[in-house]
Amino acid sequence: MSAARIAIDGELNIYRAADLKTLLLGELQRSTSLEVDLAGVTEVDSAGLQVLMLAKQAARADKRELRLTGHSPAVLDVFELLDLGAWFGDALLMAPRKDH
């Protein structure tokens, strides 16, 4: 087993949740470490967030590593709103945000 990397682009929502769940859990089974690049994510809803949380829980349960990287503005908005940075345990690299 080895490390793997997946980039998610576009919407991370209910319409893609089942496919993304299959993709993430499948990669976790084949890899000891999985990096998920979220830089291309344009929208996140609760179903998309649940997929990320399920993948993180599955990784912990199997003593594997799942890292989220490249947090897009859409991802950062949801993580900040729900205060999830610490739960995922990933470094959120973000520039100071400007109020609109």
PDB file of N, CA and C in Angstrom:
ATOM      1  N   MET A   1       0.845  -1.185   0.000  1.00  0.00           N
ATOM      2  CA  MET A   1       0.000   0.000   0.000  1.00  0.00           C
ATOM      3  C   MET A   1       0.881   1.235   0.000  1.00  0.00           C
ATOM      4  N   SER A   2       0.318   2.315  -0.489  1.00  0.00           N
ATOM      5  CA  SER A   2       1.098   3.545  -0.603  1.00  0.00           C
ATOM      6  C   SER A   2       0.215   4.753  -0.387  1.00  0.00           C
ATOM      7  N   ALA A   3       0.796   5.902  -0.669  1.00  0.00           N
ATOM      8  CA  ALA A   3       0.051   7.154  -0.553  1.00  0.00           C
ATOM      9  C   ALA A   3      -0.673   7.428  -1.873  1.00  0.00           C
ATOM     10  N   ALA A   4      -1.817   8.099  -1.767  1.00  0.00           N
ATOM     11  CA  ALA A   4      -2.596   8.452  -2.953  1.00  0.00           C
ATOM     12  C   ALA A   4      -3.064   9.896  -2.830  1.00  0.00           C
ATOM     13  N   ARG A   5      -3.432  10.467  -3.955  1.00  0.00           N
ATOM     14  CA  ARG A   5      -3.919  11.848  -3.975  1.00  0.00           C
ATOM     15  C   ARG A   5      -5.109  11.927  -4.923  1.00  0.00           C
ATOM     16  N   ILE A   6      -6.150  12.635  -4.467  1.00  0.00           N
ATOM     17  CA  ILE A   6      -7.351  12.873  -5.264  1.00  0.00           C
ATOM     18  C   ILE A   6      -7.641  14.365  -5.227  1.00  0.00           C
ATOM     19  N   ALA A   7      -8.019  14.914  -6.359  1.00  0.00           N
ATOM     20  CA  ALA A   7      -8.467  16.302  -6.416  1.00  0.00           C
ATOM     21  C   ALA A   7      -9.967  16.294  -6.722  1.00  0.00           C
ATOM     22  N   ILE A   8     -10.725  17.022  -5.920  1.00  0.00           N
ATOM     23  CA  ILE A   8     -12.166  17.137  -6.142  1.00  0.00           C
ATOM     24  C   ILE A   8     -12.429  18.516  -6.729  1.00  0.00           C
ATOM     25  N   ASP A   9     -13.080  18.542  -7.872  1.00  0.00           N
ATOM     26  CA  ASP A   9     -13.415  19.794  -8.542  1.00  0.00           C
ATOM     27  C   ASP A   9     -14.926  19.933  -8.648  1.00  0.00           C
ATOM     28  N   GLY A  10     -15.380  21.174  -8.673  1.00  0.00           N
ATOM     29  CA  GLY A  10     -16.802  21.441  -8.848  1.00  0.00           C
ATOM     30  C   GLY A  10     -17.564  21.342  -7.543  1.00  0.00           C
ATOM     31  N   GLU A  11     -18.786  20.869  -7.650  1.00  0.00           N
ATOM     32  CA  GLU A  11     -19.686  20.834  -6.506  1.00  0.00           C
ATOM     33  C   GLU A  11     -19.462  19.590  -5.653  1.00  0.00           C
ATOM     34  N   LEU A  12     -19.448  19.800  -4.360  1.00  0.00           N
ATOM     35  CA  LEU A  12     -19.369  18.713  -3.381  1.00  0.00           C
ATOM     36  C   LEU A  12     -20.724  18.734  -2.679  1.00  0.00           C
ATOM     37  N   ASN A  13     -21.707  18.118  -3.355  1.00  0.00           N
ATOM     38  CA  ASN A  13     -23.082  18.245  -2.870  1.00  0.00           C
ATOM     39  C   ASN A  13     -23.836  16.922  -2.993  1.00  0.00           C
ATOM     40  N   ILE A  14     -25.094  16.973  -2.686  1.00  0.00           N
ATOM     41  CA  ILE A  14     -25.938  15.776  -2.646  1.00  0.00           C
ATOM     42  C   ILE A  14     -25.962  15.037  -3.977  1.00  0.00           C
ATOM     43  N   TYR A  15     -25.818  15.765  -5.082  1.00  0.00           N
ATOM     44  CA  TYR A  15     -25.883  15.138  -6.397  1.00  0.00           C
ATOM     45  C   TYR A  15     -24.641  14.310  -6.712  1.00  0.00           C
ATOM     46  N   ARG A  16     -23.534  14.590  -6.036  1.00  0.00           N
ATOM     47  CA  ARG A  16     -22.283  13.864  -6.264  1.00  0.00           C
ATOM     48  C   ARG A  16     -21.854  13.043  -5.056  1.00  0.00           C
ATOM     49  N   ALA A  17     -22.587  13.131  -3.961  1.00  0.00           N
ATOM     50  CA  ALA A  17     -22.165  12.519  -2.698  1.00  0.00           C
ATOM     51  C   ALA A  17     -21.932  11.016  -2.822  1.00  0.00           C
ATOM     52  N   ALA A  18     -22.825  10.286  -3.440  1.00  0.00           N
ATOM     53  CA  ALA A  18     -22.680   8.826  -3.531  1.00  0.00           C
ATOM     54  C   ALA A  18     -21.419   8.447  -4.314  1.00  0.00           C
ATOM     55  N   ASP A  19     -21.189   9.111  -5.441  1.00  0.00           N
ATOM     56  CA  ASP A  19     -19.999   8.813  -6.248  1.00  0.00           C
ATOM     57  C   ASP A  19     -18.719   9.174  -5.501  1.00  0.00           C
ATOM     58  N   LEU A  20     -18.719  10.320  -4.830  1.00  0.00           N
ATOM     59  CA  LEU A  20     -17.528  10.738  -4.087  1.00  0.00           C
ATOM     60  C   LEU A  20     -17.266   9.831  -2.895  1.00  0.00           C
ATOM     61  N   LYS A  21     -18.331   9.364  -2.256  1.00  0.00           N
ATOM     62  CA  LYS A  21     -18.176   8.426  -1.140  1.00  0.00           C
ATOM     63  C   LYS A  21     -17.491   7.152  -1.629  1.00  0.00           C
ATOM     64  N   THR A  22     -17.948   6.606  -2.733  1.00  0.00           N
ATOM     65  CA  THR A  22     -17.355   5.399  -3.304  1.00  0.00           C
ATOM     66  C   THR A  22     -15.888   5.631  -3.670  1.00  0.00           C
ATOM     67  N   LEU A  23     -15.614   6.769  -4.277  1.00  0.00           N
ATOM     68  CA  LEU A  23     -14.249   7.106  -4.676  1.00  0.00           C
ATOM     69  C   LEU A  23     -13.327   7.219  -3.469  1.00  0.00           C
ATOM     70  N   LEU A  24     -13.725   8.001  -2.469  1.00  0.00           N
ATOM     71  CA  LEU A  24     -12.875   8.223  -1.302  1.00  0.00           C
ATOM     72  C   LEU A  24     -12.659   6.952  -0.492  1.00  0.00           C
ATOM     73  N   LEU A  25     -13.716   6.221  -0.214  1.00  0.00           N
ATOM     74  CA  LEU A  25     -13.585   4.997   0.580  1.00  0.00           C
ATOM     75  C   LEU A  25     -12.790   3.932  -0.177  1.00  0.00           C
ATOM     76  N   GLY A  26     -12.952   3.879  -1.493  1.00  0.00           N
ATOM     77  CA  GLY A  26     -12.169   2.945  -2.293  1.00  0.00           C
ATOM     78  C   GLY A  26     -10.687   3.270  -2.251  1.00  0.00           C
ATOM     79  N   GLU A  27     -10.342   4.540  -2.386  1.00  0.00           N
ATOM     80  CA  GLU A  27      -8.937   4.951  -2.321  1.00  0.00           C
ATOM     81  C   GLU A  27      -8.353   4.702  -0.940  1.00  0.00           C
ATOM     82  N   LEU A  28      -9.144   4.900   0.098  1.00  0.00           N
ATOM     83  CA  LEU A  28      -8.661   4.630   1.456  1.00  0.00           C
ATOM     84  C   LEU A  28      -8.346   3.150   1.647  1.00  0.00           C
ATOM     85  N   GLN A  29      -9.095   2.277   1.011  1.00  0.00           N
ATOM     86  CA  GLN A  29      -8.835   0.840   1.126  1.00  0.00           C
ATOM     87  C   GLN A  29      -7.537   0.449   0.413  1.00  0.00           C
ATOM     88  N   ARG A  30      -7.173   1.184  -0.630  1.00  0.00           N
ATOM     89  CA  ARG A  30      -5.979   0.864  -1.410  1.00  0.00           C
ATOM     90  C   ARG A  30      -4.727   1.577  -0.919  1.00  0.00           C
ATOM     91  N   SER A  31      -4.870   2.547  -0.019  1.00  0.00           N
ATOM     92  CA  SER A  31      -3.746   3.393   0.376  1.00  0.00           C
ATOM     93  C   SER A  31      -3.635   3.488   1.892  1.00  0.00           C
ATOM     94  N   THR A  32      -2.423   3.683   2.363  1.00  0.00           N
ATOM     95  CA  THR A  32      -2.237   3.930   3.793  1.00  0.00           C
ATOM     96  C   THR A  32      -2.441   5.402   4.111  1.00  0.00           C
ATOM     97  N   SER A  33      -2.296   6.245   3.082  1.00  0.00           N
ATOM     98  CA  SER A  33      -2.435   7.686   3.258  1.00  0.00           C
ATOM     99  C   SER A  33      -3.112   8.265   2.023  1.00  0.00           C
ATOM    100  N   LEU A  34      -4.110   9.104   2.251  1.00  0.00           N
ATOM    101  CA  LEU A  34      -4.842   9.725   1.149  1.00  0.00           C
ATOM    102  C   LEU A  34      -4.893  11.226   1.359  1.00  0.00           C
ATOM    103  N   GLU A  35      -4.467  11.966   0.342  1.00  0.00           N
ATOM    104  CA  GLU A  35      -4.565  13.426   0.356  1.00  0.00           C
ATOM    105  C   GLU A  35      -5.690  13.817  -0.592  1.00  0.00           C
ATOM    106  N   VAL A  36      -6.612  14.641  -0.091  1.00  0.00           N
ATOM    107  CA  VAL A  36      -7.744  15.090  -0.887  1.00  0.00           C
ATOM    108  C   VAL A  36      -7.607  16.598  -1.089  1.00  0.00           C
ATOM    109  N   ASP A  37      -7.369  16.996  -2.324  1.00  0.00           N
ATOM    110  CA  ASP A  37      -7.202  18.405  -2.676  1.00  0.00           C
ATOM    111  C   ASP A  37      -8.581  19.003  -2.957  1.00  0.00           C
ATOM    112  N   LEU A  38      -8.929  20.007  -2.169  1.00  0.00           N
ATOM    113  CA  LEU A  38     -10.245  20.633  -2.280  1.00  0.00           C
ATOM    114  C   LEU A  38     -10.192  22.007  -2.945  1.00  0.00           C
ATOM    115  N   ALA A  39      -9.083  22.344  -3.593  1.00  0.00           N
ATOM    116  CA  ALA A  39      -8.908  23.673  -4.186  1.00  0.00           C
ATOM    117  C   ALA A  39      -9.939  23.977  -5.269  1.00  0.00           C
ATOM    118  N   GLY A  40     -10.412  22.957  -5.975  1.00  0.00           N
ATOM    119  CA  GLY A  40     -11.352  23.173  -7.067  1.00  0.00           C
ATOM    120  C   GLY A  40     -12.817  23.074  -6.679  1.00  0.00           C
ATOM    121  N   VAL A  41     -13.107  22.932  -5.392  1.00  0.00           N
ATOM    122  CA  VAL A  41     -14.499  22.802  -4.944  1.00  0.00           C
ATOM    123  C   VAL A  41     -15.182  24.167  -4.971  1.00  0.00           C
ATOM    124  N   THR A  42     -16.321  24.235  -5.659  1.00  0.00           N
ATOM    125  CA  THR A  42     -17.045  25.498  -5.813  1.00  0.00           C
ATOM    126  C   THR A  42     -18.251  25.621  -4.892  1.00  0.00           C
ATOM    127  N   GLU A  43     -18.726  24.486  -4.378  1.00  0.00           N
ATOM    128  CA  GLU A  43     -19.910  24.490  -3.509  1.00  0.00           C
ATOM    129  C   GLU A  43     -19.854  23.278  -2.592  1.00  0.00           C
ATOM    130  N   VAL A  44     -20.274  23.467  -1.344  1.00  0.00           N
ATOM    131  CA  VAL A  44     -20.348  22.358  -0.390  1.00  0.00           C
ATOM    132  C   VAL A  44     -21.702  22.429   0.304  1.00  0.00           C
ATOM    133  N   ASP A  45     -22.419  21.315   0.326  1.00  0.00           N
ATOM    134  CA  ASP A  45     -23.648  21.261   1.117  1.00  0.00           C
ATOM    135  C   ASP A  45     -23.479  20.203   2.203  1.00  0.00           C
ATOM    136  N   SER A  46     -24.530  19.966   2.968  1.00  0.00           N
ATOM    137  CA  SER A  46     -24.408  19.055   4.107  1.00  0.00           C
ATOM    138  C   SER A  46     -24.087  17.630   3.673  1.00  0.00           C
ATOM    139  N   ALA A  47     -24.590  17.197   2.528  1.00  0.00           N
ATOM    140  CA  ALA A  47     -24.288  15.846   2.048  1.00  0.00           C
ATOM    141  C   ALA A  47     -22.812  15.728   1.685  1.00  0.00           C
ATOM    142  N   GLY A  48     -22.264  16.738   1.050  1.00  0.00           N
ATOM    143  CA  GLY A  48     -20.845  16.736   0.714  1.00  0.00           C
ATOM    144  C   GLY A  48     -19.980  16.743   1.956  1.00  0.00           C
ATOM    145  N   LEU A  49     -20.378  17.531   2.927  1.00  0.00           N
ATOM    146  CA  LEU A  49     -19.653  17.583   4.191  1.00  0.00           C
ATOM    147  C   LEU A  49     -19.702  16.222   4.894  1.00  0.00           C
ATOM    148  N   GLN A  50     -20.844  15.562   4.853  1.00  0.00           N
ATOM    149  CA  GLN A  50     -20.981  14.242   5.470  1.00  0.00           C
ATOM    150  C   GLN A  50     -20.049  13.227   4.819  1.00  0.00           C
ATOM    151  N   VAL A  51     -19.854  13.326   3.510  1.00  0.00           N
ATOM    152  CA  VAL A  51     -18.934  12.414   2.823  1.00  0.00           C
ATOM    153  C   VAL A  51     -17.516  12.621   3.336  1.00  0.00           C
ATOM    154  N   LEU A  52     -17.091  13.876   3.477  1.00  0.00           N
ATOM    155  CA  LEU A  52     -15.756  14.155   3.997  1.00  0.00           C
ATOM    156  C   LEU A  52     -15.607  13.640   5.427  1.00  0.00           C
ATOM    157  N   MET A  53     -16.632  13.842   6.234  1.00  0.00           N
ATOM    158  CA  MET A  53     -16.579  13.383   7.624  1.00  0.00           C
ATOM    159  C   MET A  53     -16.556  11.857   7.694  1.00  0.00           C
ATOM    160  N   LEU A  54     -17.347  11.192   6.867  1.00  0.00           N
ATOM    161  CA  LEU A  54     -17.356   9.728   6.822  1.00  0.00           C
ATOM    162  C   LEU A  54     -15.978   9.200   6.415  1.00  0.00           C
ATOM    163  N   ALA A  55     -15.378   9.813   5.411  1.00  0.00           N
ATOM    164  CA  ALA A  55     -14.054   9.377   4.956  1.00  0.00           C
ATOM    165  C   ALA A  55     -13.019   9.557   6.064  1.00  0.00           C
ATOM    166  N   LYS A  56     -13.091  10.680   6.776  1.00  0.00           N
ATOM    167  CA  LYS A  56     -12.149  10.914   7.875  1.00  0.00           C
ATOM    168  C   LYS A  56     -12.342   9.874   8.982  1.00  0.00           C
ATOM    169  N   GLN A  57     -13.585   9.574   9.328  1.00  0.00           N
ATOM    170  CA  GLN A  57     -13.867   8.565  10.351  1.00  0.00           C
ATOM    171  C   GLN A  57     -13.398   7.181   9.910  1.00  0.00           C
ATOM    172  N   ALA A  58     -13.618   6.845   8.651  1.00  0.00           N
ATOM    173  CA  ALA A  58     -13.182   5.541   8.133  1.00  0.00           C
ATOM    174  C   ALA A  58     -11.664   5.430   8.184  1.00  0.00           C
ATOM    175  N   ALA A  59     -10.976   6.504   7.841  1.00  0.00           N
ATOM    176  CA  ALA A  59      -9.516   6.503   7.892  1.00  0.00           C
ATOM    177  C   ALA A  59      -9.034   6.290   9.326  1.00  0.00           C
ATOM    178  N   ARG A  60      -9.626   6.997  10.268  1.00  0.00           N
ATOM    179  CA  ARG A  60      -9.238   6.839  11.675  1.00  0.00           C
ATOM    180  C   ARG A  60      -9.489   5.413  12.153  1.00  0.00           C
ATOM    181  N   ALA A  61     -10.629   4.868  11.798  1.00  0.00           N
ATOM    182  CA  ALA A  61     -10.990   3.517  12.247  1.00  0.00           C
ATOM    183  C   ALA A  61     -10.025   2.465  11.703  1.00  0.00           C
ATOM    184  N   ASP A  62      -9.536   2.672  10.485  1.00  0.00           N
ATOM    185  CA  ASP A  62      -8.615   1.723   9.860  1.00  0.00           C
ATOM    186  C   ASP A  62      -7.150   2.099  10.072  1.00  0.00           C
ATOM    187  N   LYS A  63      -6.917   3.096  10.936  1.00  0.00           N
ATOM    188  CA  LYS A  63      -5.556   3.570  11.215  1.00  0.00           C
ATOM    189  C   LYS A  63      -4.820   3.978   9.942  1.00  0.00           C
ATOM    190  N   ARG A  64      -5.549   4.701   9.116  1.00  0.00           N
ATOM    191  CA  ARG A  64      -4.992   5.268   7.884  1.00  0.00           C
ATOM    192  C   ARG A  64      -5.043   6.780   8.010  1.00  0.00           C
ATOM    193  N   GLU A  65      -4.369   7.446   7.111  1.00  0.00           N
ATOM    194  CA  GLU A  65      -4.331   8.907   7.171  1.00  0.00           C
ATOM    195  C   GLU A  65      -5.128   9.491   6.016  1.00  0.00           C
ATOM    196  N   LEU A  66      -5.975  10.466   6.320  1.00  0.00           N
ATOM    197  CA  LEU A  66      -6.688  11.232   5.304  1.00  0.00           C
ATOM    198  C   LEU A  66      -6.427  12.702   5.599  1.00  0.00           C
ATOM    199  N   ARG A  67      -5.819  13.390   4.633  1.00  0.00           N
ATOM    200  CA  ARG A  67      -5.521  14.820   4.778  1.00  0.00           C
ATOM    201  C   ARG A  67      -6.296  15.608   3.742  1.00  0.00           C
ATOM    202  N   LEU A  68      -6.921  16.670   4.195  1.00  0.00           N
ATOM    203  CA  LEU A  68      -7.583  17.604   3.287  1.00  0.00           C
ATOM    204  C   LEU A  68      -6.632  18.761   3.048  1.00  0.00           C
ATOM    205  N   THR A  69      -6.450  19.135   1.781  1.00  0.00           N
ATOM    206  CA  THR A  69      -5.547  20.223   1.432  1.00  0.00           C
ATOM    207  C   THR A  69      -6.215  21.156   0.434  1.00  0.00           C
ATOM    208  N   GLY A  70      -5.594  22.315   0.220  1.00  0.00           N
ATOM    209  CA  GLY A  70      -6.056  23.244  -0.807  1.00  0.00           C
ATOM    210  C   GLY A  70      -7.475  23.724  -0.616  1.00  0.00           C
ATOM    211  N   HIS A  71      -7.865  23.974   0.595  1.00  0.00           N
ATOM    212  CA  HIS A  71      -9.243  24.354   0.916  1.00  0.00           C
ATOM    213  C   HIS A  71      -9.677  25.580   0.101  1.00  0.00           C
ATOM    214  N   SER A  72     -10.674  25.396  -0.758  1.00  0.00           N
ATOM    215  CA  SER A  72     -11.212  26.495  -1.566  1.00  0.00           C
ATOM    216  C   SER A  72     -12.011  27.446  -0.676  1.00  0.00           C
ATOM    217  N   PRO A  73     -12.329  28.635  -1.176  1.00  0.00           N
ATOM    218  CA  PRO A  73     -13.167  29.557  -0.386  1.00  0.00           C
ATOM    219  C   PRO A  73     -14.500  28.931   0.041  1.00  0.00           C
ATOM    220  N   ALA A  74     -15.112  28.124  -0.822  1.00  0.00           N
ATOM    221  CA  ALA A  74     -16.388  27.480  -0.471  1.00  0.00           C
ATOM    222  C   ALA A  74     -16.200  26.521   0.701  1.00  0.00           C
ATOM    223  N   VAL A  75     -15.101  25.774   0.685  1.00  0.00           N
ATOM    224  CA  VAL A  75     -14.814  24.833   1.772  1.00  0.00           C
ATOM    225  C   VAL A  75     -14.508  25.600   3.053  1.00  0.00           C
ATOM    226  N   LEU A  76     -13.690  26.626   2.948  1.00  0.00           N
ATOM    227  CA  LEU A  76     -13.346  27.427   4.126  1.00  0.00           C
ATOM    228  C   LEU A  76     -14.576  28.044   4.761  1.00  0.00           C
ATOM    229  N   ASP A  77     -15.504  28.537   3.939  1.00  0.00           N
ATOM    230  CA  ASP A  77     -16.732  29.134   4.475  1.00  0.00           C
ATOM    231  C   ASP A  77     -17.493  28.140   5.345  1.00  0.00           C
ATOM    232  N   VAL A  78     -17.661  26.906   4.856  1.00  0.00           N
ATOM    233  CA  VAL A  78     -18.399  25.890   5.607  1.00  0.00           C
ATOM    234  C   VAL A  78     -17.626  25.481   6.859  1.00  0.00           C
ATOM    235  N   PHE A  79     -16.317  25.269   6.719  1.00  0.00           N
ATOM    236  CA  PHE A  79     -15.508  24.861   7.872  1.00  0.00           C
ATOM    237  C   PHE A  79     -15.507  25.930   8.950  1.00  0.00           C
ATOM    238  N   GLU A  80     -15.439  27.199   8.542  1.00  0.00           N
ATOM    239  CA  GLU A  80     -15.465  28.287   9.525  1.00  0.00           C
ATOM    240  C   GLU A  80     -16.839  28.421  10.164  1.00  0.00           C
ATOM    241  N   LEU A  81     -17.883  28.337   9.366  1.00  0.00           N
ATOM    242  CA  LEU A  81     -19.246  28.460   9.875  1.00  0.00           C
ATOM    243  C   LEU A  81     -19.539  27.391  10.925  1.00  0.00           C
ATOM    244  N   LEU A  82     -19.085  26.169  10.682  1.00  0.00           N
ATOM    245  CA  LEU A  82     -19.373  25.050  11.573  1.00  0.00           C
ATOM    246  C   LEU A  82     -18.216  24.717  12.512  1.00  0.00           C
ATOM    247  N   ASP A  83     -17.154  25.497  12.445  1.00  0.00           N
ATOM    248  CA  ASP A  83     -15.973  25.327  13.307  1.00  0.00           C
ATOM    249  C   ASP A  83     -15.438  23.894  13.232  1.00  0.00           C
ATOM    250  N   LEU A  84     -15.154  23.433  12.008  1.00  0.00           N
ATOM    251  CA  LEU A  84     -14.752  22.048  11.784  1.00  0.00           C
ATOM    252  C   LEU A  84     -13.252  21.846  11.588  1.00  0.00           C
ATOM    253  N   GLY A  85     -12.480  22.898  11.551  1.00  0.00           N
ATOM    254  CA  GLY A  85     -11.042  22.756  11.328  1.00  0.00           C
ATOM    255  C   GLY A  85     -10.390  21.800  12.302  1.00  0.00           C
ATOM    256  N   ALA A  86     -10.668  21.947  13.574  1.00  0.00           N
ATOM    257  CA  ALA A  86     -10.068  21.093  14.595  1.00  0.00           C
ATOM    258  C   ALA A  86     -10.571  19.650  14.473  1.00  0.00           C
ATOM    259  N   TRP A  87     -11.832  19.459  14.106  1.00  0.00           N
ATOM    260  CA  TRP A  87     -12.378  18.111  13.990  1.00  0.00           C
ATOM    261  C   TRP A  87     -11.627  17.326  12.912  1.00  0.00           C
ATOM    262  N   PHE A  88     -11.371  17.971  11.783  1.00  0.00           N
ATOM    263  CA  PHE A  88     -10.650  17.302  10.710  1.00  0.00           C
ATOM    264  C   PHE A  88      -9.165  17.202  11.029  1.00  0.00           C
ATOM    265  N   GLY A  89      -8.654  18.132  11.844  1.00  0.00           N
ATOM    266  CA  GLY A  89      -7.266  18.068  12.259  1.00  0.00           C
ATOM    267  C   GLY A  89      -6.273  18.435  11.186  1.00  0.00           C
ATOM    268  N   ASP A  90      -6.708  19.107  10.158  1.00  0.00           N
ATOM    269  CA  ASP A  90      -5.835  19.505   9.066  1.00  0.00           C
ATOM    270  C   ASP A  90      -5.493  20.983   9.168  1.00  0.00           C
ATOM    271  N   ALA A  91      -4.296  21.301   8.753  1.00  0.00           N
ATOM    272  CA  ALA A  91      -3.896  22.703   8.734  1.00  0.00           C
ATOM    273  C   ALA A  91      -4.677  23.417   7.640  1.00  0.00           C
ATOM    274  N   LEU A  92      -5.353  24.468   8.032  1.00  0.00           N
ATOM    275  CA  LEU A  92      -6.081  25.263   7.050  1.00  0.00           C
ATOM    276  C   LEU A  92      -5.205  26.441   6.666  1.00  0.00           C
ATOM    277  N   LEU A  93      -4.633  26.354   5.501  1.00  0.00           N
ATOM    278  CA  LEU A  93      -3.762  27.422   5.039  1.00  0.00           C
ATOM    279  C   LEU A  93      -4.613  28.449   4.328  1.00  0.00           C
ATOM    280  N   MET A  94      -4.764  29.590   4.944  1.00  0.00           N
ATOM    281  CA  MET A  94      -5.611  30.600   4.328  1.00  0.00           C
ATOM    282  C   MET A  94      -5.034  31.982   4.569  1.00  0.00           C
ATOM    283  N   ALA A  95      -5.176  32.809   3.586  1.00  0.00           N
ATOM    284  CA  ALA A  95      -4.763  34.196   3.684  1.00  0.00           C
ATOM    285  C   ALA A  95      -5.790  34.939   4.522  1.00  0.00           C
ATOM    286  N   PRO A  96      -5.394  36.063   5.123  1.00  0.00           N
ATOM    287  CA  PRO A  96      -6.394  36.846   5.867  1.00  0.00           C
ATOM    288  C   PRO A  96      -7.570  37.158   4.966  1.00  0.00           C
ATOM    289  N   ARG A  97      -8.739  36.934   5.486  1.00  0.00           N
ATOM    290  CA  ARG A  97      -9.957  37.142   4.685  1.00  0.00           C
ATOM    291  C   ARG A  97     -10.389  38.590   4.768  1.00  0.00           C
ATOM    292  N   LYS A  98     -10.886  39.078   3.656  1.00  0.00           N
ATOM    293  CA  LYS A  98     -11.378  40.442   3.579  1.00  0.00           C
ATOM    294  C   LYS A  98     -12.895  40.421   3.631  1.00  0.00           C
ATOM    295  N   ASP A  99     -13.478  41.333   4.394  1.00  0.00           N
ATOM    296  CA  ASP A  99     -14.940  41.424   4.420  1.00  0.00           C
ATOM    297  C   ASP A  99     -15.401  42.046   3.107  1.00  0.00           C
ATOM    298  N   HIS A 100     -16.490  41.551   2.623  1.00  0.00           N
ATOM    299  CA  HIS A 100     -17.040  42.043   1.337  1.00  0.00           C
ATOM    300  C   HIS A 100     -17.996  43.155   1.563  1.00  0.00           C
TER     301      HIS A 100
END
